Amino acid sequence: MSVCPSVQLNNKHLAQLDDVKYSGIHLDRKLTWRKHITTKGKQLDLKLRKLCWIIGRKSQLSLENKLLVYKAILKPIWTYGVQLWGSASNSNIDILERFQSKVLRIITDAPRYVPNTVIRRDLRVFSVRQEVRNYSVTGLTITPTGWLNLCSKDLPPTVGLSGATLQIWQLDSNQCSVKNPVVINSHF
């Protein structure tokens, strides 16, 4: 490990730390994000224990409302600062992936043999890696169907990014189908 030069402030040496918390984000010396992600994992586990009565298997809450609780309370905890820690190693991001899979499995009361990808697809929830990619590319969250908004009445034209292709389309509010797609191939 390389030694950083000594820093002085008013002729006093400042201690060198391996990690520091700044604005809710744990920064470590090598920016591995391990400390931040493990801390968020612990925070999420504690919050999940408090919410288990409302999103757990025995809860009378509907699936849509359980999912809303996840998106409103749990998801913002791990997405905070994703633009920074999104460059973490796969092993660190796996910590949050496992948490997300556990929560979605609790919400749906899915049996063990149902793959996590199927649960996420059915709930229209992105994996942590997909969320990292969405936030780092556009700063927005795109729905799992690749659309910025879901079907509702009087939808405006919708813009979607797919690699280096910009697509603009209008949704048919009755059938949720694309009409009049315009594709612009461009490099951003």
N, C-alpha and C. Protein backbone atom coordinates (compact mmCIF):
# COMPACT_ATOMS: atom_id res chain seq x y z
N MET A 1 0.84 -1.17 0.00
CA MET A 1 0.00 0.00 0.00
C MET A 1 0.89 1.23 0.00
N SER A 2 0.64 2.14 -0.93
CA SER A 2 1.46 3.34 -1.01
C SER A 2 1.07 4.30 0.11
N VAL A 3 2.05 5.04 0.55
CA VAL A 3 1.84 5.98 1.64
C VAL A 3 1.55 7.35 1.04
N CYS A 4 0.49 7.97 1.51
CA CYS A 4 0.14 9.32 1.06
C CYS A 4 1.00 10.32 1.81
N PRO A 5 1.31 11.43 1.17
CA PRO A 5 2.10 12.45 1.86
C PRO A 5 1.32 13.02 3.05
N SER A 6 2.03 13.44 4.04
CA SER A 6 1.43 14.02 5.24
C SER A 6 0.75 15.34 4.89
N VAL A 7 -0.42 15.56 5.47
CA VAL A 7 -1.17 16.79 5.23
C VAL A 7 -1.22 17.57 6.52
N GLN A 8 -0.96 18.87 6.41
CA GLN A 8 -0.98 19.73 7.59
C GLN A 8 -2.04 20.82 7.42
N LEU A 9 -2.68 21.16 8.54
CA LEU A 9 -3.64 22.24 8.57
C LEU A 9 -3.34 23.05 9.82
N ASN A 10 -2.96 24.33 9.67
CA ASN A 10 -2.53 25.18 10.78
C ASN A 10 -1.39 24.53 11.57
N ASN A 11 -0.42 24.01 10.85
CA ASN A 11 0.76 23.36 11.42
C ASN A 11 0.43 22.14 12.28
N LYS A 12 -0.71 21.52 12.06
CA LYS A 12 -1.06 20.28 12.75
C LYS A 12 -1.26 19.19 11.71
N HIS A 13 -0.67 18.03 11.96
CA HIS A 13 -0.80 16.91 11.03
C HIS A 13 -2.21 16.33 11.13
N LEU A 14 -2.79 16.09 9.98
CA LEU A 14 -4.10 15.45 9.93
C LEU A 14 -3.90 13.94 9.82
N ALA A 15 -4.67 13.20 10.58
CA ALA A 15 -4.55 11.74 10.56
C ALA A 15 -5.03 11.19 9.22
N GLN A 16 -4.33 10.16 8.76
CA GLN A 16 -4.73 9.49 7.54
C GLN A 16 -5.63 8.32 7.91
N LEU A 17 -6.77 8.25 7.26
CA LEU A 17 -7.74 7.20 7.54
C LEU A 17 -7.87 6.29 6.34
N ASP A 18 -8.26 5.06 6.60
CA ASP A 18 -8.49 4.12 5.50
C ASP A 18 -9.82 4.37 4.82
N ASP A 19 -10.80 4.89 5.59
CA ASP A 19 -12.08 5.24 4.99
C ASP A 19 -12.70 6.39 5.76
N VAL A 20 -13.57 7.12 5.08
CA VAL A 20 -14.24 8.26 5.68
C VAL A 20 -15.66 8.33 5.11
N LYS A 21 -16.58 8.78 5.94
CA LYS A 21 -17.96 8.94 5.50
C LYS A 21 -18.18 10.41 5.16
N TYR A 22 -18.61 10.66 3.95
CA TYR A 22 -18.88 12.01 3.51
C TYR A 22 -20.22 12.05 2.81
N SER A 23 -21.15 12.82 3.35
CA SER A 23 -22.47 12.98 2.75
C SER A 23 -23.17 11.64 2.53
N GLY A 24 -23.02 10.74 3.49
CA GLY A 24 -23.71 9.46 3.43
C GLY A 24 -23.03 8.40 2.59
N ILE A 25 -21.87 8.71 2.06
CA ILE A 25 -21.14 7.76 1.21
C ILE A 25 -19.80 7.46 1.86
N HIS A 26 -19.49 6.19 2.02
CA HIS A 26 -18.22 5.77 2.60
C HIS A 26 -17.17 5.70 1.50
N LEU A 27 -16.15 6.53 1.64
CA LEU A 27 -15.06 6.55 0.68
C LEU A 27 -13.86 5.86 1.31
N ASP A 28 -13.30 4.88 0.60
CA ASP A 28 -12.10 4.24 1.13
C ASP A 28 -10.90 4.68 0.30
N ARG A 29 -9.74 4.36 0.80
CA ARG A 29 -8.49 4.84 0.21
C ARG A 29 -8.34 4.44 -1.26
N LYS A 30 -8.77 3.24 -1.61
CA LYS A 30 -8.60 2.76 -2.98
C LYS A 30 -9.88 2.80 -3.80
N LEU A 31 -10.94 3.36 -3.24
CA LEU A 31 -12.26 3.45 -3.90
C LEU A 31 -12.76 2.09 -4.38
N THR A 32 -12.66 1.10 -3.50
CA THR A 32 -13.21 -0.21 -3.83
C THR A 32 -14.70 -0.27 -3.52
N TRP A 33 -15.19 0.64 -2.69
CA TRP A 33 -16.59 0.77 -2.29
C TRP A 33 -17.06 -0.38 -1.41
N ARG A 34 -16.15 -1.22 -0.95
CA ARG A 34 -16.52 -2.36 -0.10
C ARG A 34 -17.19 -1.90 1.19
N LYS A 35 -16.59 -0.94 1.85
CA LYS A 35 -17.13 -0.44 3.12
C LYS A 35 -18.53 0.17 2.91
N HIS A 36 -18.70 0.95 1.85
CA HIS A 36 -19.98 1.58 1.59
C HIS A 36 -21.07 0.53 1.34
N ILE A 37 -20.75 -0.45 0.50
CA ILE A 37 -21.76 -1.44 0.13
C ILE A 37 -22.09 -2.36 1.30
N THR A 38 -21.09 -2.77 2.07
CA THR A 38 -21.40 -3.61 3.24
C THR A 38 -22.19 -2.84 4.28
N THR A 39 -21.89 -1.56 4.45
CA THR A 39 -22.66 -0.74 5.39
C THR A 39 -24.10 -0.59 4.92
N LYS A 40 -24.29 -0.37 3.63
CA LYS A 40 -25.65 -0.28 3.08
C LYS A 40 -26.38 -1.61 3.22
N GLY A 41 -25.66 -2.71 3.03
CA GLY A 41 -26.27 -4.03 3.20
C GLY A 41 -26.78 -4.24 4.62
N LYS A 42 -25.99 -3.83 5.60
CA LYS A 42 -26.42 -3.95 7.00
C LYS A 42 -27.61 -3.04 7.28
N GLN A 43 -27.56 -1.83 6.74
CA GLN A 43 -28.67 -0.88 6.92
C GLN A 43 -29.95 -1.42 6.30
N LEU A 44 -29.83 -2.02 5.12
CA LEU A 44 -30.99 -2.59 4.44
C LEU A 44 -31.56 -3.78 5.21
N ASP A 45 -30.68 -4.62 5.76
CA ASP A 45 -31.16 -5.76 6.55
C ASP A 45 -31.95 -5.31 7.77
N LEU A 46 -31.46 -4.28 8.45
CA LEU A 46 -32.17 -3.75 9.61
C LEU A 46 -33.54 -3.18 9.21
N LYS A 47 -33.57 -2.45 8.11
CA LYS A 47 -34.82 -1.86 7.63
C LYS A 47 -35.79 -2.95 7.19
N LEU A 48 -35.28 -4.01 6.57
CA LEU A 48 -36.13 -5.11 6.14
C LEU A 48 -36.78 -5.80 7.34
N ARG A 49 -36.01 -5.98 8.41
CA ARG A 49 -36.57 -6.60 9.61
C ARG A 49 -37.72 -5.77 10.17
N LYS A 50 -37.58 -4.46 10.10
CA LYS A 50 -38.65 -3.59 10.59
C LYS A 50 -39.87 -3.62 9.69
N LEU A 51 -39.66 -3.87 8.40
CA LEU A 51 -40.76 -3.86 7.43
C LEU A 51 -41.35 -5.23 7.16
N CYS A 52 -40.76 -6.26 7.72
CA CYS A 52 -41.19 -7.63 7.39
C CYS A 52 -42.67 -7.86 7.68
N TRP A 53 -43.20 -7.23 8.70
CA TRP A 53 -44.60 -7.43 9.04
C TRP A 53 -45.53 -6.88 7.95
N ILE A 54 -45.04 -5.91 7.17
CA ILE A 54 -45.90 -5.30 6.15
C ILE A 54 -45.66 -5.87 4.75
N ILE A 55 -44.45 -6.38 4.50
CA ILE A 55 -44.19 -6.94 3.16
C ILE A 55 -43.93 -8.43 3.21
N GLY A 56 -44.01 -9.02 4.38
CA GLY A 56 -43.71 -10.44 4.52
C GLY A 56 -44.79 -11.36 3.98
N ARG A 57 -44.55 -12.63 4.13
CA ARG A 57 -45.44 -13.66 3.58
C ARG A 57 -46.85 -13.62 4.17
N LYS A 58 -46.95 -13.27 5.45
CA LYS A 58 -48.24 -13.29 6.12
C LYS A 58 -48.99 -11.96 6.01
N SER A 59 -48.40 -10.98 5.36
CA SER A 59 -49.04 -9.67 5.23
C SER A 59 -50.25 -9.75 4.30
N GLN A 60 -51.28 -9.01 4.64
CA GLN A 60 -52.49 -8.95 3.82
C GLN A 60 -52.39 -7.89 2.73
N LEU A 61 -51.29 -7.17 2.68
CA LEU A 61 -51.08 -6.12 1.69
C LEU A 61 -50.99 -6.74 0.30
N SER A 62 -51.51 -6.04 -0.70
CA SER A 62 -51.46 -6.55 -2.07
C SER A 62 -50.02 -6.54 -2.58
N LEU A 63 -49.77 -7.32 -3.61
CA LEU A 63 -48.44 -7.41 -4.21
C LEU A 63 -47.97 -6.04 -4.71
N GLU A 64 -48.88 -5.28 -5.32
CA GLU A 64 -48.53 -3.96 -5.83
C GLU A 64 -48.10 -3.03 -4.70
N ASN A 65 -48.80 -3.08 -3.57
CA ASN A 65 -48.44 -2.22 -2.45
C ASN A 65 -47.15 -2.67 -1.77
N LYS A 66 -46.92 -3.96 -1.72
CA LYS A 66 -45.65 -4.45 -1.17
C LYS A 66 -44.49 -3.96 -2.04
N LEU A 67 -44.68 -4.04 -3.34
CA LEU A 67 -43.66 -3.57 -4.27
C LEU A 67 -43.46 -2.06 -4.12
N LEU A 68 -44.52 -1.33 -3.88
CA LEU A 68 -44.42 0.11 -3.66
C LEU A 68 -43.61 0.41 -2.40
N VAL A 69 -43.81 -0.36 -1.35
CA VAL A 69 -43.03 -0.19 -0.12
C VAL A 69 -41.55 -0.43 -0.41
N TYR A 70 -41.24 -1.47 -1.19
CA TYR A 70 -39.85 -1.74 -1.57
C TYR A 70 -39.26 -0.56 -2.33
N LYS A 71 -40.00 -0.07 -3.33
CA LYS A 71 -39.48 1.01 -4.18
C LYS A 71 -39.38 2.34 -3.44
N ALA A 72 -40.26 2.56 -2.46
CA ALA A 72 -40.26 3.85 -1.76
C ALA A 72 -39.32 3.89 -0.56
N ILE A 73 -39.09 2.74 0.08
CA ILE A 73 -38.30 2.75 1.31
C ILE A 73 -36.95 2.07 1.16
N LEU A 74 -36.92 0.89 0.58
CA LEU A 74 -35.67 0.13 0.52
C LEU A 74 -34.78 0.51 -0.67
N LYS A 75 -35.37 0.64 -1.83
CA LYS A 75 -34.57 0.92 -3.03
C LYS A 75 -33.79 2.23 -2.94
N PRO A 76 -34.37 3.33 -2.42
CA PRO A 76 -33.58 4.57 -2.32
C PRO A 76 -32.34 4.44 -1.43
N ILE A 77 -32.36 3.52 -0.48
CA ILE A 77 -31.20 3.34 0.38
C ILE A 77 -30.01 2.86 -0.43
N TRP A 78 -30.23 1.86 -1.30
CA TRP A 78 -29.08 1.33 -2.04
C TRP A 78 -28.81 2.08 -3.33
N THR A 79 -29.76 2.85 -3.86
CA THR A 79 -29.48 3.60 -5.09
C THR A 79 -28.81 4.94 -4.82
N TYR A 80 -28.80 5.37 -3.55
CA TYR A 80 -28.15 6.65 -3.23
C TYR A 80 -26.65 6.57 -3.56
N GLY A 81 -26.20 7.47 -4.40
CA GLY A 81 -24.79 7.52 -4.78
C GLY A 81 -24.39 6.47 -5.79
N VAL A 82 -25.35 5.84 -6.46
CA VAL A 82 -25.03 4.77 -7.41
C VAL A 82 -24.12 5.25 -8.53
N GLN A 83 -24.21 6.52 -8.87
CA GLN A 83 -23.34 7.06 -9.92
C GLN A 83 -21.87 6.98 -9.50
N LEU A 84 -21.63 6.99 -8.21
CA LEU A 84 -20.25 6.89 -7.70
C LEU A 84 -19.84 5.44 -7.48
N TRP A 85 -20.62 4.69 -6.68
CA TRP A 85 -20.20 3.34 -6.32
C TRP A 85 -20.54 2.31 -7.40
N GLY A 86 -21.17 2.73 -8.47
CA GLY A 86 -21.51 1.81 -9.56
C GLY A 86 -20.30 1.17 -10.22
N SER A 87 -19.12 1.73 -10.00
CA SER A 87 -17.91 1.17 -10.59
C SER A 87 -17.29 0.09 -9.69
N ALA A 88 -17.98 -0.28 -8.62
CA ALA A 88 -17.46 -1.30 -7.70
C ALA A 88 -17.33 -2.64 -8.40
N SER A 89 -16.55 -3.51 -7.80
CA SER A 89 -16.34 -4.84 -8.38
C SER A 89 -17.63 -5.65 -8.33
N ASN A 90 -17.69 -6.68 -9.15
CA ASN A 90 -18.87 -7.55 -9.20
C ASN A 90 -19.15 -8.20 -7.85
N SER A 91 -18.10 -8.56 -7.13
CA SER A 91 -18.31 -9.20 -5.83
C SER A 91 -18.97 -8.26 -4.84
N ASN A 92 -18.68 -6.97 -4.93
CA ASN A 92 -19.32 -6.01 -4.06
C ASN A 92 -20.78 -5.75 -4.48
N ILE A 93 -21.01 -5.66 -5.76
CA ILE A 93 -22.38 -5.43 -6.25
C ILE A 93 -23.25 -6.66 -5.97
N ASP A 94 -22.63 -7.84 -5.94
CA ASP A 94 -23.38 -9.07 -5.63
C ASP A 94 -24.03 -8.99 -4.25
N ILE A 95 -23.44 -8.25 -3.33
CA ILE A 95 -24.02 -8.10 -1.99
C ILE A 95 -25.40 -7.48 -2.10
N LEU A 96 -25.52 -6.43 -2.91
CA LEU A 96 -26.82 -5.78 -3.08
C LEU A 96 -27.76 -6.61 -3.94
N GLU A 97 -27.21 -7.34 -4.91
CA GLU A 97 -28.04 -8.23 -5.74
C GLU A 97 -28.72 -9.29 -4.86
N ARG A 98 -27.95 -9.86 -3.94
CA ARG A 98 -28.52 -10.88 -3.05
C ARG A 98 -29.61 -10.30 -2.16
N PHE A 99 -29.38 -9.09 -1.67
CA PHE A 99 -30.41 -8.45 -0.85
C PHE A 99 -31.68 -8.23 -1.66
N GLN A 100 -31.53 -7.69 -2.88
CA GLN A 100 -32.70 -7.44 -3.72
C GLN A 100 -33.46 -8.72 -4.01
N SER A 101 -32.74 -9.78 -4.32
CA SER A 101 -33.39 -11.07 -4.60
C SER A 101 -34.14 -11.57 -3.38
N LYS A 102 -33.53 -11.42 -2.21
CA LYS A 102 -34.18 -11.86 -0.97
C LYS A 102 -35.47 -11.09 -0.72
N VAL A 103 -35.44 -9.78 -0.90
CA VAL A 103 -36.63 -8.96 -0.66
C VAL A 103 -37.74 -9.31 -1.65
N LEU A 104 -37.40 -9.41 -2.93
CA LEU A 104 -38.42 -9.71 -3.94
C LEU A 104 -39.02 -11.10 -3.72
N ARG A 105 -38.21 -12.02 -3.26
CA ARG A 105 -38.70 -13.36 -2.96
C ARG A 105 -39.64 -13.34 -1.76
N ILE A 106 -39.33 -12.51 -0.75
CA ILE A 106 -40.21 -12.36 0.41
C ILE A 106 -41.53 -11.72 -0.01
N ILE A 107 -41.44 -10.67 -0.83
CA ILE A 107 -42.64 -9.96 -1.27
C ILE A 107 -43.59 -10.88 -2.02
N THR A 108 -43.03 -11.69 -2.92
CA THR A 108 -43.87 -12.55 -3.77
C THR A 108 -44.19 -13.89 -3.14
N ASP A 109 -43.46 -14.25 -2.09
CA ASP A 109 -43.58 -15.57 -1.48
C ASP A 109 -43.33 -16.66 -2.53
N ALA A 110 -42.32 -16.41 -3.36
CA ALA A 110 -41.98 -17.33 -4.45
C ALA A 110 -41.24 -18.54 -3.91
N PRO A 111 -41.53 -19.72 -4.45
CA PRO A 111 -40.78 -20.91 -4.05
C PRO A 111 -39.33 -20.83 -4.50
N ARG A 112 -38.49 -21.67 -3.89
CA ARG A 112 -37.05 -21.63 -4.18
C ARG A 112 -36.70 -21.95 -5.63
N TYR A 113 -37.52 -22.75 -6.28
CA TYR A 113 -37.16 -23.17 -7.64
C TYR A 113 -37.46 -22.10 -8.70
N VAL A 114 -38.11 -21.00 -8.34
CA VAL A 114 -38.36 -19.92 -9.29
C VAL A 114 -37.12 -19.03 -9.36
N PRO A 115 -36.53 -18.89 -10.55
CA PRO A 115 -35.32 -18.08 -10.68
C PRO A 115 -35.57 -16.60 -10.36
N ASN A 116 -34.55 -15.94 -9.85
CA ASN A 116 -34.65 -14.52 -9.53
C ASN A 116 -34.95 -13.68 -10.77
N THR A 117 -34.41 -14.09 -11.91
CA THR A 117 -34.67 -13.33 -13.14
C THR A 117 -36.15 -13.34 -13.50
N VAL A 118 -36.81 -14.45 -13.24
CA VAL A 118 -38.25 -14.55 -13.53
C VAL A 118 -39.03 -13.65 -12.58
N ILE A 119 -38.65 -13.63 -11.33
CA ILE A 119 -39.33 -12.77 -10.34
C ILE A 119 -39.17 -11.31 -10.74
N ARG A 120 -37.95 -10.91 -11.07
CA ARG A 120 -37.72 -9.51 -11.46
C ARG A 120 -38.48 -9.16 -12.73
N ARG A 121 -38.49 -10.07 -13.68
CA ARG A 121 -39.21 -9.80 -14.93
C ARG A 121 -40.71 -9.64 -14.67
N ASP A 122 -41.28 -10.52 -13.88
CA ASP A 122 -42.72 -10.46 -13.60
C ASP A 122 -43.10 -9.21 -12.81
N LEU A 123 -42.21 -8.77 -11.93
CA LEU A 123 -42.49 -7.57 -11.13
C LEU A 123 -42.07 -6.28 -11.85
N ARG A 124 -41.40 -6.45 -12.98
CA ARG A 124 -40.87 -5.31 -13.74
C ARG A 124 -39.91 -4.50 -12.89
N VAL A 125 -38.95 -5.20 -12.32
CA VAL A 125 -37.93 -4.59 -11.48
C VAL A 125 -36.57 -4.93 -12.08
N PHE A 126 -35.73 -3.92 -12.23
CA PHE A 126 -34.39 -4.16 -12.74
C PHE A 126 -33.50 -4.76 -11.68
N SER A 127 -32.51 -5.52 -12.12
CA SER A 127 -31.49 -6.01 -11.19
C SER A 127 -30.61 -4.83 -10.78
N VAL A 128 -29.81 -5.02 -9.77
CA VAL A 128 -28.93 -3.95 -9.29
C VAL A 128 -27.96 -3.55 -10.41
N ARG A 129 -27.42 -4.52 -11.11
CA ARG A 129 -26.48 -4.20 -12.21
C ARG A 129 -27.15 -3.39 -13.30
N GLN A 130 -28.40 -3.72 -13.63
CA GLN A 130 -29.12 -2.95 -14.64
C GLN A 130 -29.40 -1.54 -14.15
N GLU A 131 -29.72 -1.39 -12.88
CA GLU A 131 -29.94 -0.06 -12.31
C GLU A 131 -28.65 0.76 -12.37
N VAL A 132 -27.54 0.14 -12.04
CA VAL A 132 -26.25 0.83 -12.11
C VAL A 132 -26.01 1.31 -13.54
N ARG A 133 -26.26 0.44 -14.49
CA ARG A 133 -26.08 0.80 -15.89
C ARG A 133 -27.01 1.93 -16.30
N ASN A 134 -28.27 1.88 -15.90
CA ASN A 134 -29.22 2.93 -16.26
C ASN A 134 -28.84 4.27 -15.67
N TYR A 135 -28.47 4.29 -14.39
CA TYR A 135 -28.10 5.54 -13.75
C TYR A 135 -26.82 6.10 -14.32
N SER A 136 -25.86 5.24 -14.64
CA SER A 136 -24.58 5.73 -15.13
C SER A 136 -24.67 6.22 -16.57
N VAL A 137 -25.58 5.66 -17.36
CA VAL A 137 -25.69 6.06 -18.77
C VAL A 137 -26.57 7.28 -18.93
N THR A 138 -27.73 7.28 -18.29
CA THR A 138 -28.69 8.34 -18.56
C THR A 138 -29.04 9.20 -17.36
N GLY A 139 -28.77 8.72 -16.16
CA GLY A 139 -29.21 9.44 -14.99
C GLY A 139 -30.68 9.20 -14.69
N LEU A 140 -31.32 8.36 -15.48
CA LEU A 140 -32.74 8.05 -15.31
C LEU A 140 -32.91 6.56 -15.11
N THR A 141 -34.03 6.18 -14.57
CA THR A 141 -34.36 4.77 -14.50
C THR A 141 -35.35 4.47 -15.62
N ILE A 142 -35.01 3.50 -16.44
CA ILE A 142 -35.88 3.08 -17.52
C ILE A 142 -36.60 1.82 -17.05
N THR A 143 -37.85 1.67 -17.40
CA THR A 143 -38.60 0.50 -16.95
C THR A 143 -38.02 -0.75 -17.58
N PRO A 144 -38.25 -1.93 -16.96
CA PRO A 144 -37.70 -3.17 -17.50
C PRO A 144 -38.17 -3.49 -18.91
N THR A 145 -39.26 -2.90 -19.35
CA THR A 145 -39.71 -3.12 -20.72
C THR A 145 -38.95 -2.21 -21.68
N GLY A 146 -38.05 -1.35 -21.13
CA GLY A 146 -37.27 -0.47 -21.97
C GLY A 146 -37.96 0.85 -22.23
N TRP A 147 -39.02 1.16 -21.52
CA TRP A 147 -39.80 2.35 -21.76
C TRP A 147 -39.68 3.26 -20.54
N LEU A 148 -39.73 4.55 -20.77
CA LEU A 148 -39.60 5.49 -19.67
C LEU A 148 -40.88 5.59 -18.84
N ASN A 149 -42.01 5.30 -19.42
CA ASN A 149 -43.24 5.30 -18.64
C ASN A 149 -44.10 4.13 -19.08
N LEU A 150 -44.98 3.69 -18.21
CA LEU A 150 -45.83 2.56 -18.51
C LEU A 150 -47.14 3.05 -19.11
N CYS A 151 -47.98 2.12 -19.50
CA CYS A 151 -49.22 2.46 -20.17
C CYS A 151 -50.16 3.23 -19.26
N SER A 152 -50.65 4.32 -19.75
CA SER A 152 -51.69 5.09 -19.09
C SER A 152 -52.34 5.95 -20.17
N LYS A 153 -53.41 6.61 -19.83
CA LYS A 153 -54.12 7.40 -20.84
C LYS A 153 -53.32 8.65 -21.18
N ASP A 154 -53.47 9.09 -22.44
CA ASP A 154 -52.88 10.34 -22.91
C ASP A 154 -51.37 10.41 -22.68
N LEU A 155 -50.68 9.40 -23.16
CA LEU A 155 -49.23 9.39 -22.99
C LEU A 155 -48.57 10.29 -24.02
N PRO A 156 -47.56 11.02 -23.61
CA PRO A 156 -46.78 11.79 -24.58
C PRO A 156 -45.83 10.85 -25.32
N PRO A 157 -45.22 11.32 -26.38
CA PRO A 157 -44.21 10.48 -27.03
C PRO A 157 -43.13 10.09 -26.02
N THR A 158 -42.63 8.89 -26.14
CA THR A 158 -41.68 8.36 -25.20
C THR A 158 -40.33 8.20 -25.88
N VAL A 159 -39.28 8.47 -25.12
CA VAL A 159 -37.92 8.35 -25.66
C VAL A 159 -37.25 7.19 -24.95
N GLY A 160 -36.56 6.35 -25.69
CA GLY A 160 -35.82 5.24 -25.11
C GLY A 160 -34.42 5.17 -25.69
N LEU A 161 -33.47 4.81 -24.87
CA LEU A 161 -32.10 4.65 -25.32
C LEU A 161 -31.76 3.18 -25.37
N SER A 162 -31.22 2.73 -26.46
CA SER A 162 -30.80 1.35 -26.60
C SER A 162 -29.43 1.36 -27.25
N GLY A 163 -28.41 1.27 -26.43
CA GLY A 163 -27.05 1.35 -26.98
C GLY A 163 -26.83 2.72 -27.56
N ALA A 164 -26.51 2.79 -28.84
CA ALA A 164 -26.29 4.07 -29.50
C ALA A 164 -27.48 4.45 -30.36
N THR A 165 -28.65 3.88 -30.08
CA THR A 165 -29.84 4.16 -30.87
C THR A 165 -30.85 4.90 -30.02
N LEU A 166 -31.33 6.02 -30.52
CA LEU A 166 -32.38 6.77 -29.85
C LEU A 166 -33.69 6.44 -30.53
N GLN A 167 -34.67 6.03 -29.74
CA GLN A 167 -35.97 5.68 -30.31
C GLN A 167 -37.03 6.59 -29.70
N ILE A 168 -37.88 7.13 -30.54
CA ILE A 168 -39.00 7.95 -30.07
C ILE A 168 -40.26 7.27 -30.57
N TRP A 169 -41.22 7.03 -29.67
CA TRP A 169 -42.43 6.36 -30.08
C TRP A 169 -43.62 6.88 -29.31
N GLN A 170 -44.80 6.65 -29.86
CA GLN A 170 -46.06 6.99 -29.21
C GLN A 170 -46.74 5.69 -28.84
N LEU A 171 -47.23 5.60 -27.62
CA LEU A 171 -47.90 4.40 -27.17
C LEU A 171 -49.39 4.50 -27.44
N ASP A 172 -49.96 3.37 -27.82
CA ASP A 172 -51.40 3.26 -27.91
C ASP A 172 -51.90 3.00 -26.50
N SER A 173 -52.67 3.91 -25.93
CA SER A 173 -53.06 3.82 -24.52
C SER A 173 -53.99 2.64 -24.23
N ASN A 174 -54.64 2.10 -25.23
CA ASN A 174 -55.54 0.97 -24.99
C ASN A 174 -54.81 -0.36 -24.96
N GLN A 175 -53.84 -0.53 -25.85
CA GLN A 175 -53.21 -1.83 -26.00
C GLN A 175 -51.75 -1.85 -25.58
N CYS A 176 -51.22 -0.74 -25.13
CA CYS A 176 -49.81 -0.64 -24.75
C CYS A 176 -48.89 -1.09 -25.86
N SER A 177 -49.21 -0.73 -27.06
CA SER A 177 -48.36 -1.10 -28.18
C SER A 177 -47.76 0.15 -28.80
N VAL A 178 -46.66 -0.03 -29.48
CA VAL A 178 -45.96 1.09 -30.09
C VAL A 178 -46.62 1.43 -31.41
N LYS A 179 -46.85 2.73 -31.63
CA LYS A 179 -47.31 3.16 -32.94
C LYS A 179 -46.44 4.31 -33.40
N ASN A 180 -46.18 4.36 -34.66
CA ASN A 180 -45.36 5.40 -35.27
C ASN A 180 -43.97 5.52 -34.66
N PRO A 181 -43.19 4.42 -34.66
CA PRO A 181 -41.84 4.53 -34.10
C PRO A 181 -40.92 5.32 -35.02
N VAL A 182 -40.05 6.11 -34.44
CA VAL A 182 -39.03 6.83 -35.17
C VAL A 182 -37.71 6.43 -34.57
N VAL A 183 -36.80 5.93 -35.38
CA VAL A 183 -35.51 5.47 -34.87
C VAL A 183 -34.43 6.37 -35.46
N ILE A 184 -33.60 6.90 -34.61
CA ILE A 184 -32.50 7.75 -35.02
C ILE A 184 -31.22 7.06 -34.61
N ASN A 185 -30.44 6.61 -35.56
CA ASN A 185 -29.16 5.97 -35.24
C ASN A 185 -28.10 7.05 -35.14
N SER A 186 -27.53 7.15 -33.97
CA SER A 186 -26.54 8.18 -33.72
C SER A 186 -25.61 7.71 -32.62
N HIS A 187 -24.44 8.24 -32.58
CA HIS A 187 -23.51 7.95 -31.49
C HIS A 187 -23.53 9.12 -30.54
N PHE A 188 -23.76 8.83 -29.28
CA PHE A 188 -23.87 9.88 -28.27
C PHE A 188 -22.51 10.17 -27.67
